[in-house]
Amino acid sequence: IVNNPKDASDARRIEDGDTRNLLVRYYEYNIQEGDT
């Protein structure tokens, strides 16, 4: 966990029973081949 904004004024968790949309930025790297 590089950053977990627990103390942000608008911080929320996804609690039991919740359904939420998350926007995602990602980087995917093949460890075995050493390639992005």
Full PDB file with SEQRES, HELIX, SHEET, SSBOND, CRYST1, ORIGX, SCALE, CONECT and MASTER records, all heavy atoms in Angstrom:
SEQRES   1 A   36  ILE VAL ASN ASN PRO LYS ASP ALA SER ASP ALA ARG ARG          
SEQRES   2 A   36  ILE GLU ASP GLY ASP THR ARG ASN LEU LEU VAL ARG TYR          
SEQRES   3 A   36  TYR GLU TYR ASN ILE GLN GLU GLY ASP THR                      
CRYST1    1.000    1.000    1.000  90.00  90.00  90.00 P 1           1          
ORIGX1      1.000000  0.000000  0.000000        0.00000                         
ORIGX2      0.000000  1.000000  0.000000        0.00000                         
ORIGX3      0.000000  0.000000  1.000000        0.00000                         
SCALE1      1.000000  0.000000  0.000000        0.00000                         
SCALE2      0.000000  1.000000  0.000000        0.00000                         
SCALE3      0.000000  0.000000  1.000000        0.00000                         
ATOM      1  N   ILE A   1       0.864  -1.171   0.000  1.00  0.00           N  
ATOM      2  CA  ILE A   1       0.000   0.000   0.000  1.00  0.00           C  
ATOM      3  C   ILE A   1       0.905   1.227   0.000  1.00  0.00           C  
ATOM      4  O   ILE A   1       1.546   1.549   1.001  1.00  0.00           O  
ATOM      5  CB  ILE A   1      -0.942   0.005   1.216  1.00  0.00           C  
ATOM      6  CG1 ILE A   1      -1.854  -1.230   1.176  1.00  0.00           C  
ATOM      7  CG2 ILE A   1      -1.773   1.287   1.243  1.00  0.00           C  
ATOM      8  CD1 ILE A   1      -2.785  -1.352   2.370  1.00  0.00           C  
ATOM      9  N   VAL A   2       0.982   1.898  -1.131  1.00  0.00           N  
ATOM     10  CA  VAL A   2       1.842   3.069  -1.284  1.00  0.00           C  
ATOM     11  C   VAL A   2       1.204   4.281  -0.626  1.00  0.00           C  
ATOM     12  O   VAL A   2       1.873   5.071   0.026  1.00  0.00           O  
ATOM     13  CB  VAL A   2       2.112   3.341  -2.777  1.00  0.00           C  
ATOM     14  CG1 VAL A   2       3.002   4.570  -2.951  1.00  0.00           C  
ATOM     15  CG2 VAL A   2       2.750   2.129  -3.439  1.00  0.00           C  
ATOM     16  N   ASN A   3      -0.104   4.417  -0.797  1.00  0.00           N  
ATOM     17  CA  ASN A   3      -0.821   5.527  -0.156  1.00  0.00           C  
ATOM     18  C   ASN A   3      -2.229   5.087   0.197  1.00  0.00           C  
ATOM     19  O   ASN A   3      -2.934   4.498  -0.623  1.00  0.00           O  
ATOM     20  CB  ASN A   3      -0.894   6.745  -1.081  1.00  0.00           C  
ATOM     21  CG  ASN A   3      -1.436   7.967  -0.358  1.00  0.00           C  
ATOM     22  OD1 ASN A   3      -0.890   8.389   0.660  1.00  0.00           O  
ATOM     23  ND2 ASN A   3      -2.518   8.549  -0.854  1.00  0.00           N  
ATOM     24  N   ASN A   4      -2.626   5.351   1.425  1.00  0.00           N  
ATOM     25  CA  ASN A   4      -3.965   5.024   1.903  1.00  0.00           C  
ATOM     26  C   ASN A   4      -4.524   6.269   2.589  1.00  0.00           C  
ATOM     27  O   ASN A   4      -4.157   6.572   3.720  1.00  0.00           O  
ATOM     28  CB  ASN A   4      -3.915   3.852   2.879  1.00  0.00           C  
ATOM     29  CG  ASN A   4      -5.284   3.243   3.116  1.00  0.00           C  
ATOM     30  OD1 ASN A   4      -6.268   3.626   2.497  1.00  0.00           O  
ATOM     31  ND2 ASN A   4      -5.354   2.274   4.021  1.00  0.00           N  
ATOM     32  N   PRO A   5      -5.399   7.031   1.903  1.00  0.00           N  
ATOM     33  CA  PRO A   5      -5.813   8.355   2.392  1.00  0.00           C  
ATOM     34  C   PRO A   5      -6.837   8.304   3.521  1.00  0.00           C  
ATOM     35  O   PRO A   5      -7.945   8.865   3.433  1.00  0.00           O  
ATOM     36  CB  PRO A   5      -6.403   8.997   1.133  1.00  0.00           C  
ATOM     37  CG  PRO A   5      -6.946   7.848   0.350  1.00  0.00           C  
ATOM     38  CD  PRO A   5      -5.986   6.713   0.588  1.00  0.00           C  
ATOM     39  N   LYS A   6      -6.467   7.665   4.613  1.00  0.00           N  
ATOM     40  CA  LYS A   6      -7.390   7.512   5.737  1.00  0.00           C  
ATOM     41  C   LYS A   6      -7.841   8.855   6.294  1.00  0.00           C  
ATOM     42  O   LYS A   6      -8.976   8.984   6.765  1.00  0.00           O  
ATOM     43  CB  LYS A   6      -6.716   6.710   6.854  1.00  0.00           C  
ATOM     44  CG  LYS A   6      -6.354   5.292   6.513  1.00  0.00           C  
ATOM     45  CD  LYS A   6      -5.685   4.614   7.697  1.00  0.00           C  
ATOM     46  CE  LYS A   6      -5.293   3.180   7.394  1.00  0.00           C  
ATOM     47  NZ  LYS A   6      -4.638   2.521   8.555  1.00  0.00           N  
ATOM     48  N   ASP A   7      -6.938   9.849   6.268  1.00  0.00           N  
ATOM     49  CA  ASP A   7      -7.210  11.117   6.934  1.00  0.00           C  
ATOM     50  C   ASP A   7      -7.804  12.171   6.014  1.00  0.00           C  
ATOM     51  O   ASP A   7      -8.029  13.311   6.445  1.00  0.00           O  
ATOM     52  CB  ASP A   7      -5.913  11.663   7.554  1.00  0.00           C  
ATOM     53  CG  ASP A   7      -5.342  10.720   8.616  1.00  0.00           C  
ATOM     54  OD1 ASP A   7      -6.144  10.060   9.296  1.00  0.00           O  
ATOM     55  OD2 ASP A   7      -4.113  10.648   8.741  1.00  0.00           O  
ATOM     56  N   ALA A   8      -8.065  11.833   4.756  1.00  0.00           N  
ATOM     57  CA  ALA A   8      -8.678  12.801   3.840  1.00  0.00           C  
ATOM     58  C   ALA A   8     -10.088  13.145   4.319  1.00  0.00           C  
ATOM     59  O   ALA A   8     -10.805  12.297   4.846  1.00  0.00           O  
ATOM     60  CB  ALA A   8      -8.727  12.229   2.425  1.00  0.00           C  
ATOM     61  N   SER A   9     -10.477  14.400   4.154  1.00  0.00           N  
ATOM     62  CA  SER A   9     -11.777  14.854   4.661  1.00  0.00           C  
ATOM     63  C   SER A   9     -12.941  14.114   4.010  1.00  0.00           C  
ATOM     64  O   SER A   9     -14.017  13.964   4.612  1.00  0.00           O  
ATOM     65  CB  SER A   9     -11.927  16.359   4.433  1.00  0.00           C  
ATOM     66  OG  SER A   9     -11.831  16.678   3.051  1.00  0.00           O  
ATOM     67  N   ASP A  10     -12.747  13.649   2.784  1.00  0.00           N  
ATOM     68  CA  ASP A  10     -13.817  12.938   2.081  1.00  0.00           C  
ATOM     69  C   ASP A  10     -13.554  11.439   1.985  1.00  0.00           C  
ATOM     70  O   ASP A  10     -14.172  10.743   1.179  1.00  0.00           O  
ATOM     71  CB  ASP A  10     -14.012  13.517   0.683  1.00  0.00           C  
ATOM     72  CG  ASP A  10     -12.791  13.308  -0.216  1.00  0.00           C  
ATOM     73  OD1 ASP A  10     -11.679  13.112   0.337  1.00  0.00           O  
ATOM     74  OD2 ASP A  10     -12.938  13.332  -1.448  1.00  0.00           O  
ATOM     75  N   ALA A  11     -12.637  10.925   2.802  1.00  0.00           N  
ATOM     76  CA  ALA A  11     -12.246   9.512   2.711  1.00  0.00           C  
ATOM     77  C   ALA A  11     -13.428   8.597   3.015  1.00  0.00           C  
ATOM     78  O   ALA A  11     -14.187   8.818   3.959  1.00  0.00           O  
ATOM     79  CB  ALA A  11     -11.097   9.222   3.676  1.00  0.00           C  
ATOM     80  N   ARG A  12     -13.581   7.582   2.166  1.00  0.00           N  
ATOM     81  CA  ARG A  12     -14.634   6.592   2.345  1.00  0.00           C  
ATOM     82  C   ARG A  12     -14.062   5.202   2.104  1.00  0.00           C  
ATOM     83  O   ARG A  12     -13.093   5.040   1.362  1.00  0.00           O  
ATOM     84  CB  ARG A  12     -15.777   6.822   1.344  1.00  0.00           C  
ATOM     85  CG  ARG A  12     -16.457   8.164   1.452  1.00  0.00           C  
ATOM     86  CD  ARG A  12     -17.343   8.248   2.686  1.00  0.00           C  
ATOM     87  NE  ARG A  12     -18.195   9.427   2.653  1.00  0.00           N  
ATOM     88  CZ  ARG A  12     -17.811  10.650   3.038  1.00  0.00           C  
ATOM     89  NH1 ARG A  12     -16.583  10.850   3.466  1.00  0.00           N  
ATOM     90  NH2 ARG A  12     -18.659  11.665   2.993  1.00  0.00           N  
ATOM     91  N   ARG A  13     -14.696   4.211   2.695  1.00  0.00           N  
ATOM     92  CA  ARG A  13     -14.390   2.824   2.402  1.00  0.00           C  
ATOM     93  C   ARG A  13     -15.564   2.229   1.630  1.00  0.00           C  
ATOM     94  O   ARG A  13     -16.653   2.802   1.578  1.00  0.00           O  
ATOM     95  CB  ARG A  13     -14.150   2.039   3.691  1.00  0.00           C  
ATOM     96  CG  ARG A  13     -13.039   2.618   4.556  1.00  0.00           C  
ATOM     97  CD  ARG A  13     -12.714   1.724   5.712  1.00  0.00           C  
ATOM     98  NE  ARG A  13     -11.932   0.576   5.266  1.00  0.00           N  
ATOM     99  CZ  ARG A  13     -11.371  -0.301   6.088  1.00  0.00           C  
ATOM    100  NH1 ARG A  13     -11.530  -0.174   7.386  1.00  0.00           N  
ATOM    101  NH2 ARG A  13     -10.671  -1.305   5.622  1.00  0.00           N  
ATOM    102  N   ILE A  14     -15.335   1.077   1.044  1.00  0.00           N  
ATOM    103  CA  ILE A  14     -16.426   0.344   0.415  1.00  0.00           C  
ATOM    104  C   ILE A  14     -16.903  -0.677   1.440  1.00  0.00           C  
ATOM    105  O   ILE A  14     -16.265  -1.706   1.656  1.00  0.00           O  
ATOM    106  CB  ILE A  14     -15.976  -0.331  -0.890  1.00  0.00           C  
ATOM    107  CG1 ILE A  14     -15.461   0.717  -1.880  1.00  0.00           C  
ATOM    108  CG2 ILE A  14     -17.131  -1.114  -1.514  1.00  0.00           C  
ATOM    109  CD1 ILE A  14     -14.925   0.144  -3.176  1.00  0.00           C  
ATOM    110  N   GLU A  15     -17.997  -0.341   2.091  1.00  0.00           N  
ATOM    111  CA  GLU A  15     -18.484  -1.134   3.214  1.00  0.00           C  
ATOM    112  C   GLU A  15     -19.372  -2.278   2.723  1.00  0.00           C  
ATOM    113  O   GLU A  15     -19.770  -2.336   1.546  1.00  0.00           O  
ATOM    114  CB  GLU A  15     -19.269  -0.241   4.176  1.00  0.00           C  
ATOM    115  CG  GLU A  15     -18.497   0.941   4.732  1.00  0.00           C  
ATOM    116  CD  GLU A  15     -17.449   0.562   5.767  1.00  0.00           C  
ATOM    117  OE1 GLU A  15     -17.354  -0.645   6.099  1.00  0.00           O  
ATOM    118  OE2 GLU A  15     -16.735   1.458   6.253  1.00  0.00           O  
ATOM    119  N   ASP A  16     -19.671  -3.178   3.639  1.00  0.00           N  
ATOM    120  CA  ASP A  16     -20.547  -4.305   3.327  1.00  0.00           C  
ATOM    121  C   ASP A  16     -21.872  -3.794   2.772  1.00  0.00           C  
ATOM    122  O   ASP A  16     -22.513  -2.907   3.355  1.00  0.00           O  
ATOM    123  CB  ASP A  16     -20.784  -5.121   4.602  1.00  0.00           C  
ATOM    124  CG  ASP A  16     -21.631  -6.357   4.367  1.00  0.00           C  
ATOM    125  OD1 ASP A  16     -21.780  -6.761   3.186  1.00  0.00           O  
ATOM    126  OD2 ASP A  16     -22.128  -6.920   5.362  1.00  0.00           O  
ATOM    127  N   GLY A  17     -22.275  -4.330   1.632  1.00  0.00           N  
ATOM    128  CA  GLY A  17     -23.519  -3.925   1.005  1.00  0.00           C  
ATOM    129  C   GLY A  17     -23.377  -2.826  -0.024  1.00  0.00           C  
ATOM    130  O   GLY A  17     -24.331  -2.519  -0.746  1.00  0.00           O  
ATOM    131  N   ASP A  18     -22.201  -2.224  -0.110  1.00  0.00           N  
ATOM    132  CA  ASP A  18     -21.979  -1.124  -1.059  1.00  0.00           C  
ATOM    133  C   ASP A  18     -21.629  -1.647  -2.446  1.00  0.00           C  
ATOM    134  O   ASP A  18     -20.948  -2.670  -2.591  1.00  0.00           O  
ATOM    135  CB  ASP A  18     -20.838  -0.218  -0.592  1.00  0.00           C  
ATOM    136  CG  ASP A  18     -21.241   0.658   0.574  1.00  0.00           C  
ATOM    137  OD1 ASP A  18     -22.437   0.953   0.714  1.00  0.00           O  
ATOM    138  OD2 ASP A  18     -20.347   1.045   1.351  1.00  0.00           O  
ATOM    139  N   THR A  19     -22.048  -0.904  -3.445  1.00  0.00           N  
ATOM    140  CA  THR A  19     -21.610  -1.097  -4.827  1.00  0.00           C  
ATOM    141  C   THR A  19     -21.153   0.267  -5.345  1.00  0.00           C  
ATOM    142  O   THR A  19     -21.952   1.211  -5.352  1.00  0.00           O  
ATOM    143  CB  THR A  19     -22.742  -1.645  -5.716  1.00  0.00           C  
ATOM    144  OG1 THR A  19     -23.163  -2.921  -5.201  1.00  0.00           O  
ATOM    145  CG2 THR A  19     -22.258  -1.832  -7.148  1.00  0.00           C  
ATOM    146  N   ARG A  20     -19.885   0.382  -5.741  1.00  0.00           N  
ATOM    147  CA  ARG A  20     -19.312   1.669  -6.109  1.00  0.00           C  
ATOM    148  C   ARG A  20     -18.504   1.565  -7.396  1.00  0.00           C  
ATOM    149  O   ARG A  20     -17.937   0.510  -7.719  1.00  0.00           O  
ATOM    150  CB  ARG A  20     -18.385   2.183  -4.993  1.00  0.00           C  
ATOM    151  CG  ARG A  20     -19.053   2.329  -3.639  1.00  0.00           C  
ATOM    152  CD  ARG A  20     -20.194   3.327  -3.652  1.00  0.00           C  
ATOM    153  NE  ARG A  20     -20.898   3.355  -2.388  1.00  0.00           N  
ATOM    154  CZ  ARG A  20     -22.036   4.027  -2.177  1.00  0.00           C  
ATOM    155  NH1 ARG A  20     -22.586   4.705  -3.166  1.00  0.00           N  
ATOM    156  NH2 ARG A  20     -22.617   3.973  -1.001  1.00  0.00           N  
ATOM    157  N   ASN A  21     -18.441   2.669  -8.107  1.00  0.00           N  
ATOM    158  CA  ASN A  21     -17.606   2.776  -9.297  1.00  0.00           C  
ATOM    159  C   ASN A  21     -16.269   3.404  -8.926  1.00  0.00           C  
ATOM    160  O   ASN A  21     -16.238   4.461  -8.288  1.00  0.00           O  
ATOM    161  CB  ASN A  21     -18.287   3.629 -10.374  1.00  0.00           C  
ATOM    162  CG  ASN A  21     -19.503   2.952 -10.968  1.00  0.00           C  
ATOM    163  OD1 ASN A  21     -19.661   1.733 -10.874  1.00  0.00           O  
ATOM    164  ND2 ASN A  21     -20.374   3.728 -11.579  1.00  0.00           N  
ATOM    165  N   LEU A  22     -15.191   2.745  -9.327  1.00  0.00           N  
ATOM    166  CA  LEU A  22     -13.852   3.272  -9.109  1.00  0.00           C  
ATOM    167  C   LEU A  22     -13.192   3.574 -10.449  1.00  0.00           C  
ATOM    168  O   LEU A  22     -13.265   2.766 -11.371  1.00  0.00           O  
ATOM    169  CB  LEU A  22     -12.986   2.279  -8.327  1.00  0.00           C  
ATOM    170  CG  LEU A  22     -13.385   1.971  -6.881  1.00  0.00           C  
ATOM    171  CD1 LEU A  22     -12.410   0.954  -6.281  1.00  0.00           C  
ATOM    172  CD2 LEU A  22     -13.414   3.239  -6.035  1.00  0.00           C  
ATOM    173  N   LEU A  23     -12.549   4.727 -10.531  1.00  0.00           N  
ATOM    174  CA  LEU A  23     -11.736   5.079 -11.691  1.00  0.00           C  
ATOM    175  C   LEU A  23     -10.319   4.623 -11.421  1.00  0.00           C  
ATOM    176  O   LEU A  23      -9.783   4.829 -10.322  1.00  0.00           O  
ATOM    177  CB  LEU A  23     -11.782   6.587 -11.933  1.00  0.00           C  
ATOM    178  CG  LEU A  23     -13.184   7.192 -12.077  1.00  0.00           C  
ATOM    179  CD1 LEU A  23     -13.086   8.701 -12.293  1.00  0.00           C  
ATOM    180  CD2 LEU A  23     -13.952   6.525 -13.204  1.00  0.00           C  
ATOM    181  N   VAL A  24      -9.704   4.004 -12.422  1.00  0.00           N  
ATOM    182  CA  VAL A  24      -8.442   3.304 -12.207  1.00  0.00           C  
ATOM    183  C   VAL A  24      -7.385   3.743 -13.215  1.00  0.00           C  
ATOM    184  O   VAL A  24      -7.633   3.781 -14.427  1.00  0.00           O  
ATOM    185  CB  VAL A  24      -8.636   1.772 -12.331  1.00  0.00           C  
ATOM    186  CG1 VAL A  24      -7.324   1.042 -12.144  1.00  0.00           C  
ATOM    187  CG2 VAL A  24      -9.663   1.279 -11.329  1.00  0.00           C  
ATOM    188  N   ARG A  25      -6.216   4.086 -12.714  1.00  0.00           N  
ATOM    189  CA  ARG A  25      -5.012   4.237 -13.531  1.00  0.00           C  
ATOM    190  C   ARG A  25      -4.081   3.093 -13.156  1.00  0.00           C  
ATOM    191  O   ARG A  25      -3.876   2.807 -11.970  1.00  0.00           O  
ATOM    192  CB  ARG A  25      -4.317   5.569 -13.257  1.00  0.00           C  
ATOM    193  CG  ARG A  25      -5.136   6.801 -13.644  1.00  0.00           C  
ATOM    194  CD  ARG A  25      -5.147   7.033 -15.132  1.00  0.00           C  
ATOM    195  NE  ARG A  25      -5.852   8.263 -15.499  1.00  0.00           N  
ATOM    196  CZ  ARG A  25      -6.010   8.691 -16.742  1.00  0.00           C  
ATOM    197  NH1 ARG A  25      -5.505   7.998 -17.750  1.00  0.00           N  
ATOM    198  NH2 ARG A  25      -6.670   9.801 -16.988  1.00  0.00           N  
ATOM    199  N   TYR A  26      -3.490   2.442 -14.167  1.00  0.00           N  
ATOM    200  CA  TYR A  26      -2.686   1.264 -13.855  1.00  0.00           C  
ATOM    201  C   TYR A  26      -1.496   1.133 -14.801  1.00  0.00           C  
ATOM    202  O   TYR A  26      -1.454   1.706 -15.892  1.00  0.00           O  
ATOM    203  CB  TYR A  26      -3.548  -0.007 -13.952  1.00  0.00           C  
ATOM    204  CG  TYR A  26      -3.780  -0.432 -15.392  1.00  0.00           C  
ATOM    205  CD1 TYR A  26      -2.939  -1.358 -16.017  1.00  0.00           C  
ATOM    206  CD2 TYR A  26      -4.795   0.120 -16.160  1.00  0.00           C  
ATOM    207  CE1 TYR A  26      -3.114  -1.720 -17.343  1.00  0.00           C  
ATOM    208  CE2 TYR A  26      -4.987  -0.231 -17.472  1.00  0.00           C  
ATOM    209  CZ  TYR A  26      -4.138  -1.151 -18.068  1.00  0.00           C  
ATOM    210  OH  TYR A  26      -4.306  -1.487 -19.381  1.00  0.00           O  
ATOM    211  N   TYR A  27      -0.549   0.348 -14.335  1.00  0.00           N  
ATOM    212  CA  TYR A  27       0.612  -0.068 -15.133  1.00  0.00           C  
ATOM    213  C   TYR A  27       0.748  -1.569 -14.958  1.00  0.00           C  
ATOM    214  O   TYR A  27       0.726  -2.068 -13.822  1.00  0.00           O  
ATOM    215  CB  TYR A  27       1.869   0.660 -14.648  1.00  0.00           C  
ATOM    216  CG  TYR A  27       3.168   0.142 -15.209  1.00  0.00           C  
ATOM    217  CD1 TYR A  27       3.572   0.468 -16.504  1.00  0.00           C  
ATOM    218  CD2 TYR A  27       4.021  -0.650 -14.431  1.00  0.00           C  
ATOM    219  CE1 TYR A  27       4.782   0.002 -17.013  1.00  0.00           C  
ATOM    220  CE2 TYR A  27       5.227  -1.115 -14.932  1.00  0.00           C  
ATOM    221  CZ  TYR A  27       5.594  -0.787 -16.223  1.00  0.00           C  
ATOM    222  OH  TYR A  27       6.792  -1.254 -16.731  1.00  0.00           O  
ATOM    223  N   GLU A  28       0.882  -2.304 -16.064  1.00  0.00           N  
ATOM    224  CA  GLU A  28       0.927  -3.774 -16.037  1.00  0.00           C  
ATOM    225  C   GLU A  28       2.250  -4.251 -16.623  1.00  0.00           C  
ATOM    226  O   GLU A  28       2.592  -3.910 -17.752  1.00  0.00           O  
ATOM    227  CB  GLU A  28      -0.246  -4.328 -16.851  1.00  0.00           C  
ATOM    228  CG  GLU A  28      -0.330  -5.846 -16.903  1.00  0.00           C  
ATOM    229  CD  GLU A  28      -1.449  -6.317 -17.824  1.00  0.00           C  
ATOM    230  OE1 GLU A  28      -1.719  -5.639 -18.852  1.00  0.00           O  
ATOM    231  OE2 GLU A  28      -2.054  -7.362 -17.507  1.00  0.00           O  
ATOM    232  N   TYR A  29       2.986  -5.038 -15.832  1.00  0.00           N  
ATOM    233  CA  TYR A  29       4.337  -5.463 -16.208  1.00  0.00           C  
ATOM    234  C   TYR A  29       4.468  -6.967 -16.044  1.00  0.00           C  
ATOM    235  O   TYR A  29       4.136  -7.528 -14.990  1.00  0.00           O  
ATOM    236  CB  TYR A  29       5.346  -4.738 -15.312  1.00  0.00           C  
ATOM    237  CG  TYR A  29       6.790  -5.102 -15.514  1.00  0.00           C  
ATOM    238  CD1 TYR A  29       7.556  -4.521 -16.527  1.00  0.00           C  
ATOM    239  CD2 TYR A  29       7.420  -6.000 -14.650  1.00  0.00           C  
ATOM    240  CE1 TYR A  29       8.894  -4.835 -16.691  1.00  0.00           C  
ATOM    241  CE2 TYR A  29       8.761  -6.319 -14.807  1.00  0.00           C  
ATOM    242  CZ  TYR A  29       9.489  -5.740 -15.834  1.00  0.00           C  
ATOM    243  OH  TYR A  29      10.824  -6.057 -15.991  1.00  0.00           O  
ATOM    244  N   ASN A  30       4.932  -7.633 -17.092  1.00  0.00           N  
ATOM    245  CA  ASN A  30       5.165  -9.075 -17.055  1.00  0.00           C  
ATOM    246  C   ASN A  30       6.507  -9.329 -16.374  1.00  0.00           C  
ATOM    247  O   ASN A  30       7.575  -9.071 -16.948  1.00  0.00           O  
ATOM    248  CB  ASN A  30       5.156  -9.645 -18.477  1.00  0.00           C  
ATOM    249  CG  ASN A  30       5.294 -11.161 -18.517  1.00  0.00           C  
ATOM    250  OD1 ASN A  30       5.975 -11.765 -17.688  1.00  0.00           O  
ATOM    251  ND2 ASN A  30       4.687 -11.780 -19.507  1.00  0.00           N  
ATOM    252  N   ILE A  31       6.462  -9.839 -15.160  1.00  0.00           N  
ATOM    253  CA  ILE A  31       7.683 -10.056 -14.377  1.00  0.00           C  
ATOM    254  C   ILE A  31       8.580 -11.100 -15.027  1.00  0.00           C  
ATOM    255  O   ILE A  31       9.800 -10.957 -15.052  1.00  0.00           O  
ATOM    256  CB  ILE A  31       7.316 -10.479 -12.938  1.00  0.00           C  
ATOM    257  CG1 ILE A  31       6.687  -9.297 -12.194  1.00  0.00           C  
ATOM    258  CG2 ILE A  31       8.545 -10.995 -12.179  1.00  0.00           C  
ATOM    259  CD1 ILE A  31       6.152  -9.655 -10.815  1.00  0.00           C  
ATOM    260  N   GLN A  32       7.970 -12.122 -15.567  1.00  0.00           N  
ATOM    261  CA  GLN A  32       8.735 -13.234 -16.121  1.00  0.00           C  
ATOM    262  C   GLN A  32       9.513 -12.832 -17.372  1.00  0.00           C  
ATOM    263  O   GLN A  32      10.670 -13.214 -17.550  1.00  0.00           O  
ATOM    264  CB  GLN A  32       7.788 -14.389 -16.438  1.00  0.00           C  
ATOM    265  CG  GLN A  32       8.465 -15.719 -16.654  1.00  0.00           C  
ATOM    266  CD  GLN A  32       7.496 -16.867 -16.466  1.00  0.00           C  
ATOM    267  OE1 GLN A  32       7.002 -17.100 -15.372  1.00  0.00           O  
ATOM    268  NE2 GLN A  32       7.202 -17.552 -17.542  1.00  0.00           N  
ATOM    269  N   GLU A  33       8.883 -12.037 -18.234  1.00  0.00           N  
ATOM    270  CA  GLU A  33       9.515 -11.625 -19.491  1.00  0.00           C  
ATOM    271  C   GLU A  33      10.238 -10.290 -19.375  1.00  0.00           C  
ATOM    272  O   GLU A  33      11.013  -9.920 -20.257  1.00  0.00           O  
ATOM    273  CB  GLU A  33       8.461 -11.545 -20.600  1.00  0.00           C  
ATOM    274  CG  GLU A  33       7.761 -12.857 -20.893  1.00  0.00           C  
ATOM    275  CD  GLU A  33       8.720 -13.934 -21.355  1.00  0.00           C  
ATOM    276  OE1 GLU A  33       9.722 -13.597 -22.014  1.00  0.00           O  
ATOM    277  OE2 GLU A  33       8.481 -15.128 -21.068  1.00  0.00           O  
ATOM    278  N   GLY A  34       9.958  -9.545 -18.321  1.00  0.00           N  
ATOM    279  CA  GLY A  34      10.596  -8.251 -18.146  1.00  0.00           C  
ATOM    280  C   GLY A  34      10.091  -7.191 -19.107  1.00  0.00           C  
ATOM    281  O   GLY A  34      10.835  -6.303 -19.524  1.00  0.00           O  
ATOM    282  N   ASP A  35       8.796  -7.276 -19.455  1.00  0.00           N  
ATOM    283  CA  ASP A  35       8.215  -6.365 -20.444  1.00  0.00           C  
ATOM    284  C   ASP A  35       6.957  -5.699 -19.904  1.00  0.00           C  
ATOM    285  O   ASP A  35       6.167  -6.325 -19.184  1.00  0.00           O  
ATOM    286  CB  ASP A  35       7.827  -7.120 -21.719  1.00  0.00           C  
ATOM    287  CG  ASP A  35       9.036  -7.600 -22.513  1.00  0.00           C  
ATOM    288  OD1 ASP A  35      10.068  -6.916 -22.476  1.00  0.00           O  
ATOM    289  OD2 ASP A  35       8.940  -8.673 -23.145  1.00  0.00           O  
ATOM    290  N   THR A  36       6.769  -4.437 -20.289  1.00  0.00           N  
ATOM    291  CA  THR A  36       5.504  -3.764 -20.021  1.00  0.00           C  
ATOM    292  C   THR A  36       4.443  -4.338 -20.947  1.00  0.00           C  
ATOM    293  O   THR A  36       4.658  -4.456 -22.153  1.00  0.00           O  
ATOM    294  CB  THR A  36       5.622  -2.254 -20.253  1.00  0.00           C  
ATOM    295  OG1 THR A  36       6.581  -1.701 -19.329  1.00  0.00           O  
ATOM    296  CG2 THR A  36       4.284  -1.554 -20.057  1.00  0.00           C  
TER     297      THR A  36                                                      
MASTER        0    0    0    0    0    0    0    6  296    1    0    3          
END                                                                             
